Amino acid sequence: AKVIFKDKIREVRTPLLAEQDVAYMKALEADDSDAQTTAKNAKTALRNAPASSAIANASNITALKAAWDTSVLGDSPYA
């Protein structure tokens, strides 16, 4: 179940990473270092999402579903 959950995170994060790529390029063009940092931080959080300790420590499906980080990935498909 953990492997499937991580695969779902990877599926959901793909378009989110693309959105952050666009945001970063726009910030780069505008020479907006704050927006560049925000985009970089968002991309890092998205990349790290499948490695969350909450996933590794989940002992049942309920705990696994609770490990979905809505602040990074948006609404859970398991809600």
PDB file of N, CA and C in Angstrom:
ATOM      1  N   ALA A   1       0.824  -1.197   0.000  1.00  0.00           N
ATOM      2  CA  ALA A   1       0.000   0.000   0.000  1.00  0.00           C
ATOM      3  C   ALA A   1       0.869   1.262   0.000  1.00  0.00           C
ATOM      4  N   LYS A   2       2.002   1.199   0.693  1.00  0.00           N
ATOM      5  CA  LYS A   2       2.881   2.375   0.750  1.00  0.00           C
ATOM      6  C   LYS A   2       3.467   2.690  -0.621  1.00  0.00           C
ATOM      7  N   VAL A   3       3.815   1.664  -1.368  1.00  0.00           N
ATOM      8  CA  VAL A   3       4.367   1.867  -2.709  1.00  0.00           C
ATOM      9  C   VAL A   3       3.315   2.496  -3.623  1.00  0.00           C
ATOM     10  N   ILE A   4       2.087   2.006  -3.553  1.00  0.00           N
ATOM     11  CA  ILE A   4       0.994   2.568  -4.353  1.00  0.00           C
ATOM     12  C   ILE A   4       0.744   4.018  -3.957  1.00  0.00           C
ATOM     13  N   PHE A   5       0.778   4.299  -2.659  1.00  0.00           N
ATOM     14  CA  PHE A   5       0.570   5.653  -2.156  1.00  0.00           C
ATOM     15  C   PHE A   5       1.657   6.596  -2.690  1.00  0.00           C
ATOM     16  N   LYS A   6       2.897   6.151  -2.654  1.00  0.00           N
ATOM     17  CA  LYS A   6       4.002   6.969  -3.171  1.00  0.00           C
ATOM     18  C   LYS A   6       3.862   7.189  -4.672  1.00  0.00           C
ATOM     19  N   ASP A   7       3.421   6.166  -5.386  1.00  0.00           N
ATOM     20  CA  ASP A   7       3.200   6.315  -6.825  1.00  0.00           C
ATOM     21  C   ASP A   7       2.114   7.347  -7.109  1.00  0.00           C
ATOM     22  N   LYS A   8       1.069   7.362  -6.284  1.00  0.00           N
ATOM     23  CA  LYS A   8      -0.001   8.352  -6.452  1.00  0.00           C
ATOM     24  C   LYS A   8       0.537   9.762  -6.203  1.00  0.00           C
ATOM     25  N   ILE A   9       1.388   9.908  -5.213  1.00  0.00           N
ATOM     26  CA  ILE A   9       2.018  11.212  -4.956  1.00  0.00           C
ATOM     27  C   ILE A   9       2.811  11.648  -6.181  1.00  0.00           C
ATOM     28  N   ARG A  10       3.577  10.748  -6.739  1.00  0.00           N
ATOM     29  CA  ARG A  10       4.380  11.078  -7.922  1.00  0.00           C
ATOM     30  C   ARG A  10       3.496  11.485  -9.102  1.00  0.00           C
ATOM     31  N   GLU A  11       2.368  10.808  -9.243  1.00  0.00           N
ATOM     32  CA  GLU A  11       1.429  11.135 -10.312  1.00  0.00           C
ATOM     33  C   GLU A  11       0.845  12.538 -10.119  1.00  0.00           C
ATOM     34  N   VAL A  12       0.453  12.844  -8.895  1.00  0.00           N
ATOM     35  CA  VAL A  12      -0.161  14.137  -8.596  1.00  0.00           C
ATOM     36  C   VAL A  12       0.854  15.275  -8.679  1.00  0.00           C
ATOM     37  N   ARG A  13       2.081  15.010  -8.294  1.00  0.00           N
ATOM     38  CA  ARG A  13       3.066  16.099  -8.238  1.00  0.00           C
ATOM     39  C   ARG A  13       3.615  16.491  -9.607  1.00  0.00           C
ATOM     40  N   THR A  14       3.498  15.628 -10.608  1.00  0.00           N
ATOM     41  CA  THR A  14       4.062  15.928 -11.927  1.00  0.00           C
ATOM     42  C   THR A  14       3.548  17.251 -12.497  1.00  0.00           C
ATOM     43  N   PRO A  15       2.229  17.465 -12.583  1.00  0.00           N
ATOM     44  CA  PRO A  15       1.781  18.764 -13.104  1.00  0.00           C
ATOM     45  C   PRO A  15       2.094  19.921 -12.142  1.00  0.00           C
ATOM     46  N   LEU A  16       2.164  19.634 -10.847  1.00  0.00           N
ATOM     47  CA  LEU A  16       2.498  20.687  -9.884  1.00  0.00           C
ATOM     48  C   LEU A  16       3.941  21.142 -10.063  1.00  0.00           C
ATOM     49  N   LEU A  17       4.831  20.207 -10.357  1.00  0.00           N
ATOM     50  CA  LEU A  17       6.220  20.573 -10.644  1.00  0.00           C
ATOM     51  C   LEU A  17       6.300  21.426 -11.909  1.00  0.00           C
ATOM     52  N   ALA A  18       5.519  21.068 -12.910  1.00  0.00           N
ATOM     53  CA  ALA A  18       5.503  21.853 -14.158  1.00  0.00           C
ATOM     54  C   ALA A  18       5.012  23.278 -13.895  1.00  0.00           C
ATOM     55  N   GLU A  19       4.002  23.416 -13.038  1.00  0.00           N
ATOM     56  CA  GLU A  19       3.508  24.751 -12.680  1.00  0.00           C
ATOM     57  C   GLU A  19       4.600  25.568 -11.996  1.00  0.00           C
ATOM     58  N   GLN A  20       5.351  24.920 -11.132  1.00  0.00           N
ATOM     59  CA  GLN A  20       6.425  25.634 -10.428  1.00  0.00           C
ATOM     60  C   GLN A  20       7.578  25.982 -11.374  1.00  0.00           C
ATOM     61  N   ASP A  21       7.809  25.155 -12.388  1.00  0.00           N
ATOM     62  CA  ASP A  21       8.808  25.491 -13.406  1.00  0.00           C
ATOM     63  C   ASP A  21       8.422  26.782 -14.116  1.00  0.00           C
ATOM     64  N   VAL A  22       7.145  26.897 -14.463  1.00  0.00           N
ATOM     65  CA  VAL A  22       6.649  28.103 -15.129  1.00  0.00           C
ATOM     66  C   VAL A  22       6.778  29.300 -14.194  1.00  0.00           C
ATOM     67  N   ALA A  23       6.385  29.118 -12.927  1.00  0.00           N
ATOM     68  CA  ALA A  23       6.484  30.221 -11.964  1.00  0.00           C
ATOM     69  C   ALA A  23       7.925  30.668 -11.797  1.00  0.00           C
ATOM     70  N   TYR A  24       8.838  29.718 -11.771  1.00  0.00           N
ATOM     71  CA  TYR A  24      10.258  30.062 -11.618  1.00  0.00           C
ATOM     72  C   TYR A  24      10.765  30.838 -12.833  1.00  0.00           C
ATOM     73  N   MET A  25      10.403  30.386 -14.023  1.00  0.00           N
ATOM     74  CA  MET A  25      10.859  31.074 -15.233  1.00  0.00           C
ATOM     75  C   MET A  25      10.299  32.493 -15.304  1.00  0.00           C
ATOM     76  N   LYS A  26       9.043  32.663 -14.919  1.00  0.00           N
ATOM     77  CA  LYS A  26       8.465  34.010 -14.905  1.00  0.00           C
ATOM     78  C   LYS A  26       9.196  34.888 -13.894  1.00  0.00           C
ATOM     79  N   ALA A  27       9.513  34.327 -12.735  1.00  0.00           N
ATOM     80  CA  ALA A  27      10.238  35.077 -11.709  1.00  0.00           C
ATOM     81  C   ALA A  27      11.639  35.418 -12.182  1.00  0.00           C
ATOM     82  N   LEU A  28      12.258  34.508 -12.898  1.00  0.00           N
ATOM     83  CA  LEU A  28      13.598  34.738 -13.436  1.00  0.00           C
ATOM     84  C   LEU A  28      13.566  35.883 -14.441  1.00  0.00           C
ATOM     85  N   GLU A  29      12.568  35.862 -15.318  1.00  0.00           N
ATOM     86  CA  GLU A  29      12.425  36.926 -16.314  1.00  0.00           C
ATOM     87  C   GLU A  29      12.165  38.275 -15.657  1.00  0.00           C
ATOM     88  N   ALA A  30      11.415  38.258 -14.557  1.00  0.00           N
ATOM     89  CA  ALA A  30      11.071  39.496 -13.858  1.00  0.00           C
ATOM     90  C   ALA A  30      12.141  39.898 -12.849  1.00  0.00           C
ATOM     91  N   ASP A  31      13.186  39.085 -12.720  1.00  0.00           N
ATOM     92  CA  ASP A  31      14.258  39.313 -11.747  1.00  0.00           C
ATOM     93  C   ASP A  31      13.690  39.435 -10.331  1.00  0.00           C
ATOM     94  N   ASP A  32      12.732  38.568 -10.020  1.00  0.00           N
ATOM     95  CA  ASP A  32      12.064  38.542  -8.721  1.00  0.00           C
ATOM     96  C   ASP A  32      12.645  37.403  -7.886  1.00  0.00           C
ATOM     97  N   SER A  33      13.627  37.722  -7.060  1.00  0.00           N
ATOM     98  CA  SER A  33      14.325  36.684  -6.297  1.00  0.00           C
ATOM     99  C   SER A  33      13.423  36.028  -5.249  1.00  0.00           C
ATOM    100  N   ASP A  34      12.475  36.772  -4.700  1.00  0.00           N
ATOM    101  CA  ASP A  34      11.558  36.183  -3.723  1.00  0.00           C
ATOM    102  C   ASP A  34      10.683  35.111  -4.376  1.00  0.00           C
ATOM    103  N   ALA A  35      10.164  35.404  -5.552  1.00  0.00           N
ATOM    104  CA  ALA A  35       9.335  34.436  -6.267  1.00  0.00           C
ATOM    105  C   ALA A  35      10.162  33.233  -6.720  1.00  0.00           C
ATOM    106  N   GLN A  36      11.416  33.469  -7.075  1.00  0.00           N
ATOM    107  CA  GLN A  36      12.305  32.364  -7.445  1.00  0.00           C
ATOM    108  C   GLN A  36      12.502  31.428  -6.254  1.00  0.00           C
ATOM    109  N   THR A  37      12.744  32.004  -5.097  1.00  0.00           N
ATOM    110  CA  THR A  37      12.941  31.205  -3.885  1.00  0.00           C
ATOM    111  C   THR A  37      11.680  30.439  -3.533  1.00  0.00           C
ATOM    112  N   THR A  38      10.531  31.077  -3.661  1.00  0.00           N
ATOM    113  CA  THR A  38       9.261  30.412  -3.374  1.00  0.00           C
ATOM    114  C   THR A  38       9.060  29.218  -4.299  1.00  0.00           C
ATOM    115  N   ALA A  39       9.331  29.393  -5.572  1.00  0.00           N
ATOM    116  CA  ALA A  39       9.177  28.300  -6.536  1.00  0.00           C
ATOM    117  C   ALA A  39      10.168  27.177  -6.234  1.00  0.00           C
ATOM    118  N   LYS A  40      11.405  27.533  -5.907  1.00  0.00           N
ATOM    119  CA  LYS A  40      12.403  26.507  -5.577  1.00  0.00           C
ATOM    120  C   LYS A  40      11.998  25.721  -4.342  1.00  0.00           C
ATOM    121  N   ASN A  41      11.497  26.412  -3.342  1.00  0.00           N
ATOM    122  CA  ASN A  41      11.069  25.729  -2.117  1.00  0.00           C
ATOM    123  C   ASN A  41       9.875  24.813  -2.372  1.00  0.00           C
ATOM    124  N   ALA A  42       8.954  25.259  -3.200  1.00  0.00           N
ATOM    125  CA  ALA A  42       7.790  24.439  -3.534  1.00  0.00           C
ATOM    126  C   ALA A  42       8.218  23.182  -4.289  1.00  0.00           C
ATOM    127  N   LYS A  43       9.159  23.335  -5.219  1.00  0.00           N
ATOM    128  CA  LYS A  43       9.642  22.180  -5.969  1.00  0.00           C
ATOM    129  C   LYS A  43      10.371  21.195  -5.058  1.00  0.00           C
ATOM    130  N   THR A  44      11.129  21.704  -4.124  1.00  0.00           N
ATOM    131  CA  THR A  44      11.828  20.827  -3.173  1.00  0.00           C
ATOM    132  C   THR A  44      10.827  20.047  -2.330  1.00  0.00           C
ATOM    133  N   ALA A  45       9.796  20.724  -1.859  1.00  0.00           N
ATOM    134  CA  ALA A  45       8.766  20.050  -1.058  1.00  0.00           C
ATOM    135  C   ALA A  45       8.059  18.971  -1.883  1.00  0.00           C
ATOM    136  N   LEU A  46       7.786  19.262  -3.144  1.00  0.00           N
ATOM    137  CA  LEU A  46       7.145  18.274  -4.009  1.00  0.00           C
ATOM    138  C   LEU A  46       8.055  17.071  -4.239  1.00  0.00           C
ATOM    139  N   ARG A  47       9.331  17.335  -4.444  1.00  0.00           N
ATOM    140  CA  ARG A  47      10.276  16.229  -4.650  1.00  0.00           C
ATOM    141  C   ARG A  47      10.415  15.363  -3.403  1.00  0.00           C
ATOM    142  N   ASN A  48      10.340  15.980  -2.243  1.00  0.00           N
ATOM    143  CA  ASN A  48      10.518  15.249  -0.987  1.00  0.00           C
ATOM    144  C   ASN A  48       9.249  14.549  -0.500  1.00  0.00           C
ATOM    145  N   ALA A  49       8.116  14.862  -1.084  1.00  0.00           N
ATOM    146  CA  ALA A  49       6.835  14.331  -0.600  1.00  0.00           C
ATOM    147  C   ALA A  49       6.780  12.803  -0.501  1.00  0.00           C
ATOM    148  N   PRO A  50       7.277  12.052  -1.488  1.00  0.00           N
ATOM    149  CA  PRO A  50       7.188  10.589  -1.360  1.00  0.00           C
ATOM    150  C   PRO A  50       8.067  10.012  -0.248  1.00  0.00           C
ATOM    151  N   ALA A  51       9.035  10.760   0.214  1.00  0.00           N
ATOM    152  CA  ALA A  51       9.947  10.277   1.252  1.00  0.00           C
ATOM    153  C   ALA A  51       9.507  10.688   2.661  1.00  0.00           C
ATOM    154  N   SER A  52       8.296  11.173   2.791  1.00  0.00           N
ATOM    155  CA  SER A  52       7.792  11.634   4.083  1.00  0.00           C
ATOM    156  C   SER A  52       7.866  10.533   5.142  1.00  0.00           C
ATOM    157  N   SER A  53       8.304  10.901   6.313  1.00  0.00           N
ATOM    158  CA  SER A  53       8.377   9.932   7.409  1.00  0.00           C
ATOM    159  C   SER A  53       6.981   9.470   7.828  1.00  0.00           C
ATOM    160  N   ALA A  54       5.968  10.293   7.600  1.00  0.00           N
ATOM    161  CA  ALA A  54       4.592   9.900   7.934  1.00  0.00           C
ATOM    162  C   ALA A  54       4.163   8.696   7.103  1.00  0.00           C
ATOM    163  N   ILE A  55       4.661   8.604   5.889  1.00  0.00           N
ATOM    164  CA  ILE A  55       4.347   7.448   5.043  1.00  0.00           C
ATOM    165  C   ILE A  55       5.066   6.216   5.578  1.00  0.00           C
ATOM    166  N   ALA A  56       6.327   6.377   5.858  1.00  0.00           N
ATOM    167  CA  ALA A  56       7.124   5.249   6.364  1.00  0.00           C
ATOM    168  C   ALA A  56       6.587   4.737   7.694  1.00  0.00           C
ATOM    169  N   ASN A  57       6.086   5.632   8.524  1.00  0.00           N
ATOM    170  CA  ASN A  57       5.614   5.258   9.854  1.00  0.00           C
ATOM    171  C   ASN A  57       4.151   4.821   9.888  1.00  0.00           C
ATOM    172  N   ALA A  58       3.449   4.946   8.776  1.00  0.00           N
ATOM    173  CA  ALA A  58       2.030   4.568   8.744  1.00  0.00           C
ATOM    174  C   ALA A  58       1.886   3.062   8.969  1.00  0.00           C
ATOM    175  N   SER A  59       1.012   2.717   9.896  1.00  0.00           N
ATOM    176  CA  SER A  59       0.830   1.302  10.224  1.00  0.00           C
ATOM    177  C   SER A  59      -0.486   0.736   9.705  1.00  0.00           C
ATOM    178  N   ASN A  60      -1.321   1.616   9.125  1.00  0.00           N
ATOM    179  CA  ASN A  60      -2.578   1.157   8.542  1.00  0.00           C
ATOM    180  C   ASN A  60      -3.008   2.142   7.456  1.00  0.00           C
ATOM    181  N   ILE A  61      -4.059   1.785   6.761  1.00  0.00           N
ATOM    182  CA  ILE A  61      -4.522   2.617   5.645  1.00  0.00           C
ATOM    183  C   ILE A  61      -4.960   4.000   6.105  1.00  0.00           C
ATOM    184  N   THR A  62      -5.609   4.088   7.240  1.00  0.00           N
ATOM    185  CA  THR A  62      -6.060   5.380   7.758  1.00  0.00           C
ATOM    186  C   THR A  62      -4.866   6.303   7.999  1.00  0.00           C
ATOM    187  N   ALA A  63      -3.822   5.778   8.609  1.00  0.00           N
ATOM    188  CA  ALA A  63      -2.614   6.574   8.860  1.00  0.00           C
ATOM    189  C   ALA A  63      -1.945   6.962   7.547  1.00  0.00           C
ATOM    190  N   LEU A  64      -1.987   6.068   6.589  1.00  0.00           N
ATOM    191  CA  LEU A  64      -1.392   6.355   5.289  1.00  0.00           C
ATOM    192  C   LEU A  64      -2.150   7.487   4.597  1.00  0.00           C
ATOM    193  N   LYS A  65      -3.464   7.415   4.619  1.00  0.00           N
ATOM    194  CA  LYS A  65      -4.269   8.483   4.021  1.00  0.00           C
ATOM    195  C   LYS A  65      -4.023   9.816   4.719  1.00  0.00           C
ATOM    196  N   ALA A  66      -3.820   9.776   6.014  1.00  0.00           N
ATOM    197  CA  ALA A  66      -3.548  11.001   6.780  1.00  0.00           C
ATOM    198  C   ALA A  66      -2.176  11.582   6.455  1.00  0.00           C
ATOM    199  N   ALA A  67      -1.306  10.779   5.851  1.00  0.00           N
ATOM    200  CA  ALA A  67       0.043  11.240   5.509  1.00  0.00           C
ATOM    201  C   ALA A  67       0.060  12.126   4.267  1.00  0.00           C
ATOM    202  N   TRP A  68      -1.079  12.240   3.579  1.00  0.00           N
ATOM    203  CA  TRP A  68      -1.160  13.089   2.388  1.00  0.00           C
ATOM    204  C   TRP A  68      -1.003  14.541   2.827  1.00  0.00           C
ATOM    205  N   ASP A  69       0.040  15.206   2.361  1.00  0.00           N
ATOM    206  CA  ASP A  69       0.328  16.587   2.760  1.00  0.00           C
ATOM    207  C   ASP A  69      -0.423  17.560   1.846  1.00  0.00           C
ATOM    208  N   THR A  70      -1.576  18.015   2.298  1.00  0.00           N
ATOM    209  CA  THR A  70      -2.409  18.901   1.494  1.00  0.00           C
ATOM    210  C   THR A  70      -1.742  20.253   1.238  1.00  0.00           C
ATOM    211  N   SER A  71      -0.853  20.664   2.125  1.00  0.00           N
ATOM    212  CA  SER A  71      -0.174  21.956   1.916  1.00  0.00           C
ATOM    213  C   SER A  71       0.801  21.892   0.739  1.00  0.00           C
ATOM    214  N   VAL A  72       1.232  20.698   0.380  1.00  0.00           N
ATOM    215  CA  VAL A  72       2.166  20.524  -0.736  1.00  0.00           C
ATOM    216  C   VAL A  72       1.454  19.979  -1.975  1.00  0.00           C
ATOM    217  N   LEU A  73       0.591  18.993  -1.776  1.00  0.00           N
ATOM    218  CA  LEU A  73       0.002  18.249  -2.892  1.00  0.00           C
ATOM    219  C   LEU A  73      -1.440  18.639  -3.211  1.00  0.00           C
ATOM    220  N   GLY A  74      -2.042  19.459  -2.396  1.00  0.00           N
ATOM    221  CA  GLY A  74      -3.447  19.813  -2.605  1.00  0.00           C
ATOM    222  C   GLY A  74      -4.361  18.777  -2.012  1.00  0.00           C
ATOM    223  N   ASP A  75      -5.609  18.809  -2.399  1.00  0.00           N
ATOM    224  CA  ASP A  75      -6.607  17.897  -1.841  1.00  0.00           C
ATOM    225  C   ASP A  75      -6.249  16.446  -2.108  1.00  0.00           C
ATOM    226  N   SER A  76      -6.502  15.635  -1.129  1.00  0.00           N
ATOM    227  CA  SER A  76      -6.208  14.215  -1.225  1.00  0.00           C
ATOM    228  C   SER A  76      -7.218  13.506  -2.114  1.00  0.00           C
ATOM    229  N   PRO A  77      -6.738  12.626  -2.978  1.00  0.00           N
ATOM    230  CA  PRO A  77      -7.667  11.835  -3.777  1.00  0.00           C
ATOM    231  C   PRO A  77      -8.330  10.750  -2.937  1.00  0.00           C
ATOM    232  N   TYR A  78      -7.905  10.608  -1.685  1.00  0.00           N
ATOM    233  CA  TYR A  78      -8.424   9.578  -0.792  1.00  0.00           C
ATOM    234  C   TYR A  78      -9.445  10.116   0.196  1.00  0.00           C
ATOM    235  N   ALA A  79      -9.826  11.373   0.058  1.00  0.00           N
ATOM    236  CA  ALA A  79     -10.770  11.980   1.009  1.00  0.00           C
ATOM    237  C   ALA A  79     -12.169  11.449   0.826  1.00  0.00           C
TER     238      ALA A  79
END
